[in-house]
Protein backbone atom coordinates (compact mmCIF):
# COMPACT_ATOMS: atom_id res chain seq x y z
CA UNK A 1 -74.28 183.99 -4.07
CA UNK A 2 -71.12 182.11 -3.10
CA UNK A 3 -70.12 179.65 -5.82
CA UNK A 4 -66.67 179.31 -4.28
CA UNK A 5 -68.13 176.74 -1.85
CA UNK A 6 -68.82 174.43 -4.80
CA UNK A 7 -65.43 172.76 -4.76
CA UNK A 8 -66.14 169.04 -5.16
CA UNK A 9 -68.77 167.46 -7.37
CA UNK A 10 -71.07 165.17 -5.42
CA UNK A 11 -71.23 167.45 -2.40
CA UNK A 12 -74.60 167.74 -0.68
CA UNK A 13 -75.27 171.40 0.05
CA UNK A 14 -77.90 173.41 1.93
CA UNK A 15 -79.42 176.09 -0.28
CA UNK A 16 -80.39 179.24 1.59
CA UNK A 17 -81.63 182.65 0.58
CA UNK A 18 -79.77 185.87 1.23
CA UNK A 19 -81.25 185.97 4.74
CA UNK A 20 -79.92 182.43 5.39
CA UNK A 21 -83.44 181.00 5.40
CA UNK A 22 -83.42 177.36 4.30
CA UNK A 23 -84.70 176.66 0.78
CA UNK A 24 -83.60 173.10 -0.01
CA UNK A 25 -80.85 170.51 0.11
CA UNK A 26 -79.14 169.92 -3.17
CA UNK A 27 -76.45 167.99 -4.96
CA UNK A 28 -73.60 169.85 -6.61
CA UNK A 29 -72.53 168.54 -10.02
CA UNK A 30 -71.64 170.31 -13.24
CA UNK A 31 -74.00 169.58 -16.12
CA UNK A 32 -74.59 171.21 -19.47
CA UNK A 33 -77.71 173.00 -18.20
CA UNK A 34 -76.80 173.83 -14.62
CA UNK A 35 -74.73 173.01 -11.59
CA UNK A 36 -76.85 170.58 -9.62
CA UNK A 37 -80.23 169.38 -8.49
CA UNK A 38 -82.60 169.98 -5.61
CA UNK A 39 -83.06 166.75 -3.67
CA UNK A 40 -85.46 167.80 -0.91
CA UNK A 41 -87.16 170.85 0.52
CA UNK A 42 -87.26 169.23 3.97
CA UNK A 43 -84.35 170.48 6.07
CA UNK A 44 -84.65 167.47 8.38
CA UNK A 45 -84.57 164.81 5.64
CA UNK A 46 -81.32 162.86 5.57
CA UNK A 47 -79.69 162.31 2.17
CA UNK A 48 -78.53 158.73 2.55
CA UNK A 49 -79.07 155.23 1.14
CA UNK A 50 -82.64 155.11 2.46
CA UNK A 51 -83.43 158.46 0.81
CA UNK A 52 -82.34 157.24 -2.64
CA UNK A 53 -83.91 153.81 -2.15
CA UNK A 54 -87.31 155.40 -1.44
CA UNK A 55 -87.03 157.80 -4.41
CA UNK A 56 -86.15 154.98 -6.82
CA UNK A 57 -88.91 152.76 -5.44
CA UNK A 58 -91.49 155.54 -5.83
CA UNK A 59 -90.32 156.25 -9.39
CA UNK A 60 -90.60 152.56 -10.32
CA UNK A 61 -94.12 152.40 -8.87
CA UNK A 62 -95.25 155.44 -10.86
CA UNK A 63 -93.95 153.88 -14.08
CA UNK A 64 -95.13 150.33 -13.50
CA UNK A 65 -97.52 150.45 -16.45
CA UNK A 66 -94.64 151.10 -18.86
CA UNK A 67 -93.17 147.66 -18.12
CA UNK A 68 -96.37 146.02 -19.40
CA UNK A 69 -96.90 148.35 -22.38
CA UNK A 70 -95.87 146.58 -25.61
CA UNK A 71 -95.60 149.97 -27.36
CA UNK A 72 -93.01 151.23 -24.89
CA UNK A 73 -89.47 150.16 -25.69
CA UNK A 74 -87.55 152.48 -23.35
CA UNK A 75 -88.20 155.01 -20.59
CA UNK A 76 -86.38 156.75 -17.77
CA UNK A 77 -86.97 155.74 -14.20
CA UNK A 78 -85.95 159.25 -13.17
CA UNK A 79 -83.77 162.03 -14.48
CA UNK A 80 -80.87 163.67 -12.69
């Protein structure tokens, strides 16, 4: 509703509906298919080093089998 607040790429923003009810926290960044990503739907979750460390660790754990698969030559840990 107010794209003028999207001034600097990399900004963490709170996404709210038209009644100002919290929806999610997101990351603003221009891409070919949109203008950012939802990071969390928990209003109390801090977006900091620990947040990203836990997300990367969880992604690695879910893809552990790919490291041992001789048929797999490449894969993404996560996208966005």
